[in-house]
């Protein structure tokens, strides 16, 4: 759940990506501490929004997204430092949909 209201789905997904990046880095630190591992692989985060992927990789929609708060561009810094990687996933292949929306029986079984 986001604590702010957005005017576009691209901005909403970009903000969610920033939050997911922070959570992924926290989990990475936890695993690193528990397993006493210095170097962990790059974390891959999957988006089902091509616009959010493009916005994360570079500032292609500058005119339409210049109002996005700077703190949400954190995800770009983490991509540059190779702490995370972003990949597009088809909406039909996105198993996270099972946790956030009602699905037809066939799709639910696929996600299981």
PDB file of N, CA and C in Angstrom:
ATOM      1  N   UNK A   1       0.847  -1.185   0.000  1.00  0.00           N
ATOM      2  CA  UNK A   1       0.000   0.000   0.000  1.00  0.00           C
ATOM      3  C   UNK A   1       0.887   1.242   0.000  1.00  0.00           C
ATOM      4  N   UNK A   2       0.611   2.135  -0.899  1.00  0.00           N
ATOM      5  CA  UNK A   2       1.379   3.375  -0.976  1.00  0.00           C
ATOM      6  C   UNK A   2       0.713   4.445  -0.134  1.00  0.00           C
ATOM      7  N   UNK A   3       1.534   5.260   0.483  1.00  0.00           N
ATOM      8  CA  UNK A   3       1.015   6.306   1.360  1.00  0.00           C
ATOM      9  C   UNK A   3       0.733   7.608   0.620  1.00  0.00           C
ATOM     10  N   UNK A   4       0.952   7.614  -0.695  1.00  0.00           N
ATOM     11  CA  UNK A   4       0.706   8.824  -1.472  1.00  0.00           C
ATOM     12  C   UNK A   4      -0.228   8.515  -2.634  1.00  0.00           C
ATOM     13  N   UNK A   5      -0.837   9.543  -3.167  1.00  0.00           N
ATOM     14  CA  UNK A   5      -1.715   9.406  -4.324  1.00  0.00           C
ATOM     15  C   UNK A   5      -0.925   9.801  -5.570  1.00  0.00           C
ATOM     16  N   UNK A   6      -1.034   8.993  -6.609  1.00  0.00           N
ATOM     17  CA  UNK A   6      -0.355   9.315  -7.866  1.00  0.00           C
ATOM     18  C   UNK A   6      -1.396   9.539  -8.954  1.00  0.00           C
ATOM     19  N   UNK A   7      -0.978  10.261  -9.966  1.00  0.00           N
ATOM     20  CA  UNK A   7      -1.882  10.574 -11.065  1.00  0.00           C
ATOM     21  C   UNK A   7      -1.680   9.679 -12.277  1.00  0.00           C
ATOM     22  N   UNK A   8      -0.715   8.771 -12.208  1.00  0.00           N
ATOM     23  CA  UNK A   8      -0.494   7.866 -13.336  1.00  0.00           C
ATOM     24  C   UNK A   8      -0.042   6.506 -12.826  1.00  0.00           C
ATOM     25  N   UNK A   9      -0.325   5.482 -13.611  1.00  0.00           N
ATOM     26  CA  UNK A   9       0.102   4.142 -13.223  1.00  0.00           C
ATOM     27  C   UNK A   9       1.612   4.001 -13.322  1.00  0.00           C
ATOM     28  N   UNK A  10       2.220   4.720 -14.258  1.00  0.00           N
ATOM     29  CA  UNK A  10       3.680   4.665 -14.385  1.00  0.00           C
ATOM     30  C   UNK A  10       4.338   5.169 -13.115  1.00  0.00           C
ATOM     31  N   UNK A  11       3.864   6.296 -12.598  1.00  0.00           N
ATOM     32  CA  UNK A  11       4.435   6.839 -11.368  1.00  0.00           C
ATOM     33  C   UNK A  11       4.190   5.889 -10.198  1.00  0.00           C
ATOM     34  N   UNK A  12       2.998   5.320 -10.122  1.00  0.00           N
ATOM     35  CA  UNK A  12       2.688   4.384  -9.038  1.00  0.00           C
ATOM     36  C   UNK A  12       3.617   3.177  -9.081  1.00  0.00           C
ATOM     37  N   UNK A  13       3.850   2.638 -10.268  1.00  0.00           N
ATOM     38  CA  UNK A  13       4.722   1.477 -10.388  1.00  0.00           C
ATOM     39  C   UNK A  13       6.182   1.842 -10.141  1.00  0.00           C
ATOM     40  N   UNK A  14       6.567   3.039 -10.510  1.00  0.00           N
ATOM     41  CA  UNK A  14       7.939   3.502 -10.268  1.00  0.00           C
ATOM     42  C   UNK A  14       8.177   3.667  -8.763  1.00  0.00           C
ATOM     43  N   UNK A  15       7.207   4.201  -8.058  1.00  0.00           N
ATOM     44  CA  UNK A  15       7.316   4.339  -6.606  1.00  0.00           C
ATOM     45  C   UNK A  15       7.367   2.960  -5.953  1.00  0.00           C
ATOM     46  N   UNK A  16       6.535   2.045  -6.435  1.00  0.00           N
ATOM     47  CA  UNK A  16       6.561   0.675  -5.916  1.00  0.00           C
ATOM     48  C   UNK A  16       7.918   0.022  -6.177  1.00  0.00           C
ATOM     49  N   UNK A  17       8.514   0.316  -7.317  1.00  0.00           N
ATOM     50  CA  UNK A  17       9.836  -0.232  -7.639  1.00  0.00           C
ATOM     51  C   UNK A  17      10.891   0.292  -6.679  1.00  0.00           C
ATOM     52  N   UNK A  18      10.784   1.558  -6.331  1.00  0.00           N
ATOM     53  CA  UNK A  18      11.723   2.146  -5.382  1.00  0.00           C
ATOM     54  C   UNK A  18      11.591   1.477  -4.012  1.00  0.00           C
ATOM     55  N   UNK A  19      10.359   1.254  -3.597  1.00  0.00           N
ATOM     56  CA  UNK A  19      10.123   0.576  -2.315  1.00  0.00           C
ATOM     57  C   UNK A  19      10.608  -0.872  -2.363  1.00  0.00           C
ATOM     58  N   UNK A  20      10.369  -1.556  -3.474  1.00  0.00           N
ATOM     59  CA  UNK A  20      10.832  -2.941  -3.630  1.00  0.00           C
ATOM     60  C   UNK A  20      12.351  -3.011  -3.602  1.00  0.00           C
ATOM     61  N   UNK A  21      12.999  -2.009  -4.175  1.00  0.00           N
ATOM     62  CA  UNK A  21      14.463  -1.954  -4.171  1.00  0.00           C
ATOM     63  C   UNK A  21      14.978  -1.825  -2.750  1.00  0.00           C
ATOM     64  N   UNK A  22      14.367  -0.961  -1.974  1.00  0.00           N
ATOM     65  CA  UNK A  22      14.789  -0.797  -0.575  1.00  0.00           C
ATOM     66  C   UNK A  22      14.607  -2.094   0.204  1.00  0.00           C
ATOM     67  N   UNK A  23      13.476  -2.770  -0.001  1.00  0.00           N
ATOM     68  CA  UNK A  23      13.228  -4.041   0.687  1.00  0.00           C
ATOM     69  C   UNK A  23      14.232  -5.111   0.255  1.00  0.00           C
ATOM     70  N   UNK A  24      14.512  -5.165  -1.050  1.00  0.00           N
ATOM     71  CA  UNK A  24      15.459  -6.157  -1.561  1.00  0.00           C
ATOM     72  C   UNK A  24      16.852  -5.946  -0.978  1.00  0.00           C
ATOM     73  N   UNK A  25      17.268  -4.696  -0.874  1.00  0.00           N
ATOM     74  CA  UNK A  25      18.584  -4.407  -0.310  1.00  0.00           C
ATOM     75  C   UNK A  25      18.637  -4.744   1.180  1.00  0.00           C
ATOM     76  N   UNK A  26      17.528  -4.512   1.875  1.00  0.00           N
ATOM     77  CA  UNK A  26      17.481  -4.868   3.297  1.00  0.00           C
ATOM     78  C   UNK A  26      17.590  -6.384   3.448  1.00  0.00           C
ATOM     79  N   UNK A  27      16.845  -7.130   2.643  1.00  0.00           N
ATOM     80  CA  UNK A  27      16.908  -8.590   2.696  1.00  0.00           C
ATOM     81  C   UNK A  27      18.292  -9.106   2.311  1.00  0.00           C
ATOM     82  N   UNK A  28      18.902  -8.446   1.349  1.00  0.00           N
ATOM     83  CA  UNK A  28      20.263  -8.814   0.947  1.00  0.00           C
ATOM     84  C   UNK A  28      21.224  -8.659   2.122  1.00  0.00           C
ATOM     85  N   UNK A  29      21.091  -7.561   2.847  1.00  0.00           N
ATOM     86  CA  UNK A  29      21.929  -7.337   4.021  1.00  0.00           C
ATOM     87  C   UNK A  29      21.684  -8.373   5.108  1.00  0.00           C
ATOM     88  N   UNK A  30      20.428  -8.737   5.298  1.00  0.00           N
ATOM     89  CA  UNK A  30      20.085  -9.747   6.298  1.00  0.00           C
ATOM     90  C   UNK A  30      20.696 -11.096   5.939  1.00  0.00           C
ATOM     91  N   UNK A  31      20.529 -11.510   4.697  1.00  0.00           N
ATOM     92  CA  UNK A  31      21.093 -12.792   4.258  1.00  0.00           C
ATOM     93  C   UNK A  31      22.610 -12.770   4.356  1.00  0.00           C
ATOM     94  N   UNK A  32      23.208 -11.662   3.972  1.00  0.00           N
ATOM     95  CA  UNK A  32      24.654 -11.524   4.049  1.00  0.00           C
ATOM     96  C   UNK A  32      25.147 -11.671   5.486  1.00  0.00           C
ATOM     97  N   UNK A  33      24.405 -11.080   6.407  1.00  0.00           N
ATOM     98  CA  UNK A  33      24.786 -11.158   7.811  1.00  0.00           C
ATOM     99  C   UNK A  33      24.593 -12.563   8.371  1.00  0.00           C
ATOM    100  N   UNK A  34      23.470 -13.183   8.047  1.00  0.00           N
ATOM    101  CA  UNK A  34      23.182 -14.519   8.569  1.00  0.00           C
ATOM    102  C   UNK A  34      24.131 -15.575   8.025  1.00  0.00           C
ATOM    103  N   UNK A  35      24.469 -15.469   6.750  1.00  0.00           N
ATOM    104  CA  UNK A  35      25.325 -16.471   6.120  1.00  0.00           C
ATOM    105  C   UNK A  35      26.798 -16.087   6.136  1.00  0.00           C
ATOM    106  N   UNK A  36      27.111 -14.905   6.678  1.00  0.00           N
ATOM    107  CA  UNK A  36      28.483 -14.416   6.729  1.00  0.00           C
ATOM    108  C   UNK A  36      29.126 -14.408   5.337  1.00  0.00           C
ATOM    109  N   UNK A  37      28.377 -13.877   4.373  1.00  0.00           N
ATOM    110  CA  UNK A  37      28.833 -13.794   2.988  1.00  0.00           C
ATOM    111  C   UNK A  37      29.125 -12.335   2.675  1.00  0.00           C
ATOM    112  N   UNK A  38      30.277 -12.068   2.099  1.00  0.00           N
ATOM    113  CA  UNK A  38      30.661 -10.695   1.767  1.00  0.00           C
ATOM    114  C   UNK A  38      29.999 -10.211   0.484  1.00  0.00           C
ATOM    115  N   UNK A  39      30.069 -11.035  -0.549  1.00  0.00           N
ATOM    116  CA  UNK A  39      29.552 -10.646  -1.864  1.00  0.00           C
ATOM    117  C   UNK A  39      28.341 -11.491  -2.224  1.00  0.00           C
ATOM    118  N   UNK A  40      27.251 -10.824  -2.541  1.00  0.00           N
ATOM    119  CA  UNK A  40      26.072 -11.517  -3.031  1.00  0.00           C
ATOM    120  C   UNK A  40      25.809 -11.091  -4.467  1.00  0.00           C
ATOM    121  N   UNK A  41      25.126 -11.939  -5.200  1.00  0.00           N
ATOM    122  CA  UNK A  41      24.830 -11.641  -6.600  1.00  0.00           C
ATOM    123  C   UNK A  41      23.867 -10.462  -6.716  1.00  0.00           C
ATOM    124  N   UNK A  42      23.806  -9.932  -7.902  1.00  0.00           N
ATOM    125  CA  UNK A  42      22.863  -8.862  -8.206  1.00  0.00           C
ATOM    126  C   UNK A  42      21.436  -9.386  -8.055  1.00  0.00           C
ATOM    127  N   UNK A  43      20.593  -8.604  -7.415  1.00  0.00           N
ATOM    128  CA  UNK A  43      19.192  -8.971  -7.218  1.00  0.00           C
ATOM    129  C   UNK A  43      18.412  -8.548  -8.456  1.00  0.00           C
ATOM    130  N   UNK A  44      17.604  -9.452  -8.983  1.00  0.00           N
ATOM    131  CA  UNK A  44      16.775  -9.140 -10.142  1.00  0.00           C
ATOM    132  C   UNK A  44      15.364  -8.843  -9.661  1.00  0.00           C
ATOM    133  N   UNK A  45      14.852  -7.675 -10.057  1.00  0.00           N
ATOM    134  CA  UNK A  45      13.480  -7.289  -9.738  1.00  0.00           C
ATOM    135  C   UNK A  45      12.707  -7.273 -11.045  1.00  0.00           C
ATOM    136  N   UNK A  46      11.569  -7.955 -11.060  1.00  0.00           N
ATOM    137  CA  UNK A  46      10.754  -8.059 -12.258  1.00  0.00           C
ATOM    138  C   UNK A  46       9.605  -7.062 -12.208  1.00  0.00           C
ATOM    139  N   UNK A  47       9.425  -6.306 -13.289  1.00  0.00           N
ATOM    140  CA  UNK A  47       8.308  -5.368 -13.443  1.00  0.00           C
ATOM    141  C   UNK A  47       7.414  -5.900 -14.541  1.00  0.00           C
ATOM    142  N   UNK A  48       6.120  -5.663 -14.416  1.00  0.00           N
ATOM    143  CA  UNK A  48       5.235  -5.994 -15.536  1.00  0.00           C
ATOM    144  C   UNK A  48       4.798  -4.733 -16.278  1.00  0.00           C
ATOM    145  N   UNK A  49       5.448  -3.615 -16.004  1.00  0.00           N
ATOM    146  CA  UNK A  49       5.154  -2.352 -16.675  1.00  0.00           C
ATOM    147  C   UNK A  49       6.373  -1.901 -17.476  1.00  0.00           C
ATOM    148  N   UNK A  50       6.233  -1.887 -18.788  1.00  0.00           N
ATOM    149  CA  UNK A  50       7.344  -1.463 -19.633  1.00  0.00           C
ATOM    150  C   UNK A  50       7.720  -0.011 -19.354  1.00  0.00           C
ATOM    151  N   UNK A  51       6.740   0.838 -19.067  1.00  0.00           N
ATOM    152  CA  UNK A  51       7.029   2.240 -18.765  1.00  0.00           C
ATOM    153  C   UNK A  51       7.889   2.377 -17.515  1.00  0.00           C
ATOM    154  N   UNK A  52       7.580   1.602 -16.486  1.00  0.00           N
ATOM    155  CA  UNK A  52       8.367   1.656 -15.250  1.00  0.00           C
ATOM    156  C   UNK A  52       9.781   1.136 -15.478  1.00  0.00           C
ATOM    157  N   UNK A  53       9.923   0.102 -16.304  1.00  0.00           N
ATOM    158  CA  UNK A  53      11.257  -0.420 -16.633  1.00  0.00           C
ATOM    159  C   UNK A  53      12.071   0.655 -17.336  1.00  0.00           C
ATOM    160  N   UNK A  54      11.472   1.300 -18.332  1.00  0.00           N
ATOM    161  CA  UNK A  54      12.173   2.343 -19.078  1.00  0.00           C
ATOM    162  C   UNK A  54      12.552   3.514 -18.183  1.00  0.00           C
ATOM    163  N   UNK A  55      11.647   3.910 -17.319  1.00  0.00           N
ATOM    164  CA  UNK A  55      11.913   5.016 -16.415  1.00  0.00           C
ATOM    165  C   UNK A  55      13.018   4.675 -15.422  1.00  0.00           C
ATOM    166  N   UNK A  56      13.076   3.420 -14.998  1.00  0.00           N
ATOM    167  CA  UNK A  56      14.120   2.992 -14.070  1.00  0.00           C
ATOM    168  C   UNK A  56      15.491   2.974 -14.719  1.00  0.00           C
ATOM    169  N   UNK A  57      15.524   2.588 -15.985  1.00  0.00           N
ATOM    170  CA  UNK A  57      16.801   2.484 -16.689  1.00  0.00           C
ATOM    171  C   UNK A  57      17.368   3.851 -17.048  1.00  0.00           C
ATOM    172  N   UNK A  58      16.516   4.752 -17.481  1.00  0.00           N
ATOM    173  CA  UNK A  58      16.969   6.093 -17.834  1.00  0.00           C
ATOM    174  C   UNK A  58      15.774   7.042 -17.821  1.00  0.00           C
ATOM    175  N   UNK A  59      16.061   8.282 -18.004  1.00  0.00           N
ATOM    176  CA  UNK A  59      15.026   9.300 -17.876  1.00  0.00           C
ATOM    177  C   UNK A  59      14.368   9.588 -19.230  1.00  0.00           C
ATOM    178  N   UNK A  60      13.752   8.589 -19.808  1.00  0.00           N
ATOM    179  CA  UNK A  60      13.183   8.734 -21.140  1.00  0.00           C
ATOM    180  C   UNK A  60      11.909   9.566 -21.169  1.00  0.00           C
ATOM    181  N   UNK A  61      11.191   9.621 -20.071  1.00  0.00           N
ATOM    182  CA  UNK A  61       9.933  10.357 -20.023  1.00  0.00           C
ATOM    183  C   UNK A  61      10.086  11.639 -19.215  1.00  0.00           C
ATOM    184  N   UNK A  62      11.181  12.350 -19.401  1.00  0.00           N
ATOM    185  CA  UNK A  62      11.496  13.496 -18.555  1.00  0.00           C
ATOM    186  C   UNK A  62      10.368  14.515 -18.471  1.00  0.00           C
ATOM    187  N   UNK A  63       9.790  14.918 -19.587  1.00  0.00           N
ATOM    188  CA  UNK A  63       8.745  15.934 -19.578  1.00  0.00           C
ATOM    189  C   UNK A  63       7.518  15.497 -18.783  1.00  0.00           C
ATOM    190  N   UNK A  64       7.208  14.223 -18.845  1.00  0.00           N
ATOM    191  CA  UNK A  64       6.015  13.737 -18.159  1.00  0.00           C
ATOM    192  C   UNK A  64       6.291  13.306 -16.726  1.00  0.00           C
ATOM    193  N   UNK A  65       7.547  13.123 -16.371  1.00  0.00           N
ATOM    194  CA  UNK A  65       7.856  12.611 -15.032  1.00  0.00           C
ATOM    195  C   UNK A  65       8.772  13.524 -14.238  1.00  0.00           C
ATOM    196  N   UNK A  66       8.935  14.749 -14.665  1.00  0.00           N
ATOM    197  CA  UNK A  66       9.828  15.634 -13.918  1.00  0.00           C
ATOM    198  C   UNK A  66       9.271  15.988 -12.543  1.00  0.00           C
ATOM    199  N   UNK A  67       7.984  15.734 -12.324  1.00  0.00           N
ATOM    200  CA  UNK A  67       7.374  15.995 -11.031  1.00  0.00           C
ATOM    201  C   UNK A  67       7.619  14.863 -10.026  1.00  0.00           C
ATOM    202  N   UNK A  68       8.202  13.759 -10.458  1.00  0.00           N
ATOM    203  CA  UNK A  68       8.470  12.637  -9.564  1.00  0.00           C
ATOM    204  C   UNK A  68       9.540  13.043  -8.564  1.00  0.00           C
ATOM    205  N   UNK A  69       9.264  12.816  -7.317  1.00  0.00           N
ATOM    206  CA  UNK A  69      10.179  13.193  -6.248  1.00  0.00           C
ATOM    207  C   UNK A  69      11.537  12.503  -6.429  1.00  0.00           C
ATOM    208  N   UNK A  70      12.590  13.220  -6.123  1.00  0.00           N
ATOM    209  CA  UNK A  70      13.955  12.724  -6.326  1.00  0.00           C
ATOM    210  C   UNK A  70      14.219  11.441  -5.535  1.00  0.00           C
ATOM    211  N   UNK A  71      13.598  11.279  -4.393  1.00  0.00           N
ATOM    212  CA  UNK A  71      13.874  10.095  -3.574  1.00  0.00           C
ATOM    213  C   UNK A  71      13.477   8.793  -4.265  1.00  0.00           C
ATOM    214  N   UNK A  72      12.566   8.876  -5.237  1.00  0.00           N
ATOM    215  CA  UNK A  72      12.158   7.667  -5.941  1.00  0.00           C
ATOM    216  C   UNK A  72      13.131   7.280  -7.047  1.00  0.00           C
ATOM    217  N   UNK A  73      14.091   8.143  -7.360  1.00  0.00           N
ATOM    218  CA  UNK A  73      15.103   7.818  -8.354  1.00  0.00           C
ATOM    219  C   UNK A  73      16.234   6.976  -7.750  1.00  0.00           C
ATOM    220  N   UNK A  74      16.081   6.594  -6.485  1.00  0.00           N
ATOM    221  CA  UNK A  74      17.025   5.716  -5.794  1.00  0.00           C
ATOM    222  C   UNK A  74      17.263   4.444  -6.596  1.00  0.00           C
ATOM    223  N   UNK A  75      16.224   3.940  -7.222  1.00  0.00           N
ATOM    224  CA  UNK A  75      16.326   2.705  -7.983  1.00  0.00           C
ATOM    225  C   UNK A  75      17.345   2.834  -9.116  1.00  0.00           C
ATOM    226  N   UNK A  76      17.439   4.005  -9.730  1.00  0.00           N
ATOM    227  CA  UNK A  76      18.424   4.216 -10.805  1.00  0.00           C
ATOM    228  C   UNK A  76      19.851   4.092 -10.281  1.00  0.00           C
ATOM    229  N   UNK A  77      20.095   4.649  -9.109  1.00  0.00           N
ATOM    230  CA  UNK A  77      21.429   4.560  -8.514  1.00  0.00           C
ATOM    231  C   UNK A  77      21.804   3.114  -8.223  1.00  0.00           C
ATOM    232  N   UNK A  78      20.841   2.341  -7.762  1.00  0.00           N
ATOM    233  CA  UNK A  78      21.125   0.940  -7.448  1.00  0.00           C
ATOM    234  C   UNK A  78      21.359   0.115  -8.711  1.00  0.00           C
ATOM    235  N   UNK A  79      20.716   0.491  -9.800  1.00  0.00           N
ATOM    236  CA  UNK A  79      20.962  -0.185 -11.079  1.00  0.00           C
ATOM    237  C   UNK A  79      22.371   0.136 -11.567  1.00  0.00           C
ATOM    238  N   UNK A  80      22.764   1.406 -11.454  1.00  0.00           N
ATOM    239  CA  UNK A  80      24.109   1.813 -11.879  1.00  0.00           C
ATOM    240  C   UNK A  80      25.192   1.128 -11.064  1.00  0.00           C
ATOM    241  N   UNK A  81      24.934   0.936  -9.770  1.00  0.00           N
ATOM    242  CA  UNK A  81      25.928   0.283  -8.912  1.00  0.00           C
ATOM    243  C   UNK A  81      25.861  -1.237  -9.004  1.00  0.00           C
ATOM    244  N   UNK A  82      24.942  -1.751  -9.834  1.00  0.00           N
ATOM    245  CA  UNK A  82      24.759  -3.181 -10.065  1.00  0.00           C
ATOM    246  C   UNK A  82      24.343  -3.952  -8.812  1.00  0.00           C
ATOM    247  N   UNK A  83      23.723  -3.260  -7.864  1.00  0.00           N
ATOM    248  CA  UNK A  83      23.164  -3.946  -6.701  1.00  0.00           C
ATOM    249  C   UNK A  83      21.883  -4.667  -7.088  1.00  0.00           C
ATOM    250  N   UNK A  84      21.140  -4.070  -8.029  1.00  0.00           N
ATOM    251  CA  UNK A  84      19.930  -4.705  -8.537  1.00  0.00           C
ATOM    252  C   UNK A  84      19.933  -4.643 -10.059  1.00  0.00           C
ATOM    253  N   UNK A  85      19.093  -5.451 -10.653  1.00  0.00           N
ATOM    254  CA  UNK A  85      18.858  -5.422 -12.094  1.00  0.00           C
ATOM    255  C   UNK A  85      17.352  -5.444 -12.295  1.00  0.00           C
ATOM    256  N   UNK A  86      16.899  -4.809 -13.344  1.00  0.00           N
ATOM    257  CA  UNK A  86      15.484  -4.728 -13.652  1.00  0.00           C
ATOM    258  C   UNK A  86      15.208  -5.525 -14.909  1.00  0.00           C
ATOM    259  N   UNK A  87      14.156  -6.329 -14.878  1.00  0.00           N
ATOM    260  CA  UNK A  87      13.747  -7.080 -16.061  1.00  0.00           C
ATOM    261  C   UNK A  87      12.246  -6.988 -16.229  1.00  0.00           C
ATOM    262  N   UNK A  88      11.813  -6.950 -17.472  1.00  0.00           N
ATOM    263  CA  UNK A  88      10.388  -6.925 -17.793  1.00  0.00           C
ATOM    264  C   UNK A  88       9.866  -8.346 -17.750  1.00  0.00           C
ATOM    265  N   UNK A  89       8.702  -8.526 -17.150  1.00  0.00           N
ATOM    266  CA  UNK A  89       8.044  -9.827 -17.136  1.00  0.00           C
ATOM    267  C   UNK A  89       6.637  -9.638 -17.683  1.00  0.00           C
ATOM    268  N   UNK A  90       6.189 -10.565 -18.450  1.00  0.00           N
ATOM    269  CA  UNK A  90       4.848 -10.496 -19.012  1.00  0.00           C
ATOM    270  C   UNK A  90       3.823 -10.540 -17.890  1.00  0.00           C
ATOM    271  N   UNK A  91       2.755  -9.810 -18.039  1.00  0.00           N
ATOM    272  CA  UNK A  91       1.693  -9.816 -17.038  1.00  0.00           C
ATOM    273  C   UNK A  91       1.154 -11.226 -16.839  1.00  0.00           C
ATOM    274  N   UNK A  92       1.101 -12.006 -17.905  1.00  0.00           N
ATOM    275  CA  UNK A  92       0.610 -13.389 -17.801  1.00  0.00           C
ATOM    276  C   UNK A  92       1.559 -14.286 -17.019  1.00  0.00           C
ATOM    277  N   UNK A  93       2.832 -13.940 -16.974  1.00  0.00           N
ATOM    278  CA  UNK A  93       3.829 -14.734 -16.269  1.00  0.00           C
ATOM    279  C   UNK A  93       4.076 -14.250 -14.836  1.00  0.00           C
ATOM    280  N   UNK A  94       3.481 -13.151 -14.457  1.00  0.00           N
ATOM    281  CA  UNK A  94       3.738 -12.531 -13.159  1.00  0.00           C
ATOM    282  C   UNK A  94       2.980 -13.259 -12.054  1.00  0.00           C
ATOM    283  N   UNK A  95       3.680 -14.088 -11.294  1.00  0.00           N
ATOM    284  CA  UNK A  95       3.029 -14.869 -10.238  1.00  0.00           C
ATOM    285  C   UNK A  95       2.641 -14.005  -9.037  1.00  0.00           C
ATOM    286  N   UNK A  96       3.172 -12.803  -8.935  1.00  0.00           N
ATOM    287  CA  UNK A  96       2.796 -11.915  -7.840  1.00  0.00           C
ATOM    288  C   UNK A  96       1.339 -11.481  -7.946  1.00  0.00           C
ATOM    289  N   UNK A  97       0.754 -11.566  -9.132  1.00  0.00           N
ATOM    290  CA  UNK A  97      -0.655 -11.222  -9.299  1.00  0.00           C
ATOM    291  C   UNK A  97      -1.557 -12.071  -8.406  1.00  0.00           C
ATOM    292  N   UNK A  98      -1.107 -13.280  -8.094  1.00  0.00           N
ATOM    293  CA  UNK A  98      -1.880 -14.169  -7.246  1.00  0.00           C
ATOM    294  C   UNK A  98      -2.108 -13.550  -5.866  1.00  0.00           C
ATOM    295  N   UNK A  99      -1.180 -12.734  -5.413  1.00  0.00           N
ATOM    296  CA  UNK A  99      -1.254 -12.164  -4.074  1.00  0.00           C
ATOM    297  C   UNK A  99      -1.992 -10.832  -4.025  1.00  0.00           C
ATOM    298  N   UNK A 100      -2.295 -10.244  -5.169  1.00  0.00           N
ATOM    299  CA  UNK A 100      -2.861  -8.903  -5.126  1.00  0.00           C
ATOM    300  C   UNK A 100      -4.150  -8.693  -5.891  1.00  0.00           C
ATOM    301  N   UNK A 101      -4.653  -9.716  -6.559  1.00  0.00           N
ATOM    302  CA  UNK A 101      -5.903  -9.537  -7.292  1.00  0.00           C
ATOM    303  C   UNK A 101      -6.606 -10.874  -7.456  1.00  0.00           C
ATOM    304  N   UNK A 102      -7.899 -10.802  -7.675  1.00  0.00           N
ATOM    305  CA  UNK A 102      -8.672 -12.020  -7.923  1.00  0.00           C
ATOM    306  C   UNK A 102      -8.331 -12.542  -9.308  1.00  0.00           C
ATOM    307  N   UNK A 103      -8.119 -13.841  -9.386  1.00  0.00           N
ATOM    308  CA  UNK A 103      -7.716 -14.451 -10.653  1.00  0.00           C
ATOM    309  C   UNK A 103      -8.683 -15.556 -11.046  1.00  0.00           C
ATOM    310  N   UNK A 104      -8.809 -15.784 -12.335  1.00  0.00           N
ATOM    311  CA  UNK A 104      -9.577 -16.957 -12.763  1.00  0.00           C
ATOM    312  C   UNK A 104      -8.873 -18.229 -12.289  1.00  0.00           C
ATOM    313  N   UNK A 105      -9.618 -19.312 -12.200  1.00  0.00           N
ATOM    314  CA  UNK A 105      -9.117 -20.573 -11.678  1.00  0.00           C
ATOM    315  C   UNK A 105      -7.850 -21.036 -12.388  1.00  0.00           C
ATOM    316  N   UNK A 106      -7.824 -20.964 -13.722  1.00  0.00           N
ATOM    317  CA  UNK A 106      -6.676 -21.446 -14.500  1.00  0.00           C
ATOM    318  C   UNK A 106      -5.412 -20.636 -14.188  1.00  0.00           C
ATOM    319  N   UNK A 107      -5.570 -19.311 -14.114  1.00  0.00           N
ATOM    320  CA  UNK A 107      -4.432 -18.430 -13.824  1.00  0.00           C
ATOM    321  C   UNK A 107      -3.914 -18.672 -12.402  1.00  0.00           C
ATOM    322  N   UNK A 108      -4.838 -18.860 -11.458  1.00  0.00           N
ATOM    323  CA  UNK A 108      -4.454 -19.138 -10.079  1.00  0.00           C
ATOM    324  C   UNK A 108      -3.635 -20.414  -9.987  1.00  0.00           C
ATOM    325  N   UNK A 109      -4.092 -21.468 -10.661  1.00  0.00           N
ATOM    326  CA  UNK A 109      -3.349 -22.728 -10.669  1.00  0.00           C
ATOM    327  C   UNK A 109      -1.985 -22.574 -11.315  1.00  0.00           C
ATOM    328  N   UNK A 110      -1.898 -21.769 -12.376  1.00  0.00           N
ATOM    329  CA  UNK A 110      -0.609 -21.507 -13.017  1.00  0.00           C
ATOM    330  C   UNK A 110       0.348 -20.839 -12.031  1.00  0.00           C
ATOM    331  N   UNK A 111      -0.155 -19.871 -11.291  1.00  0.00           N
ATOM    332  CA  UNK A 111       0.689 -19.142 -10.328  1.00  0.00           C
ATOM    333  C   UNK A 111       1.156 -20.039  -9.195  1.00  0.00           C
ATOM    334  N   UNK A 112       0.331 -21.019  -8.822  1.00  0.00           N
ATOM    335  CA  UNK A 112       0.743 -21.969  -7.788  1.00  0.00           C
ATOM    336  C   UNK A 112       1.927 -22.789  -8.271  1.00  0.00           C
TER     337      UNK A 112
END
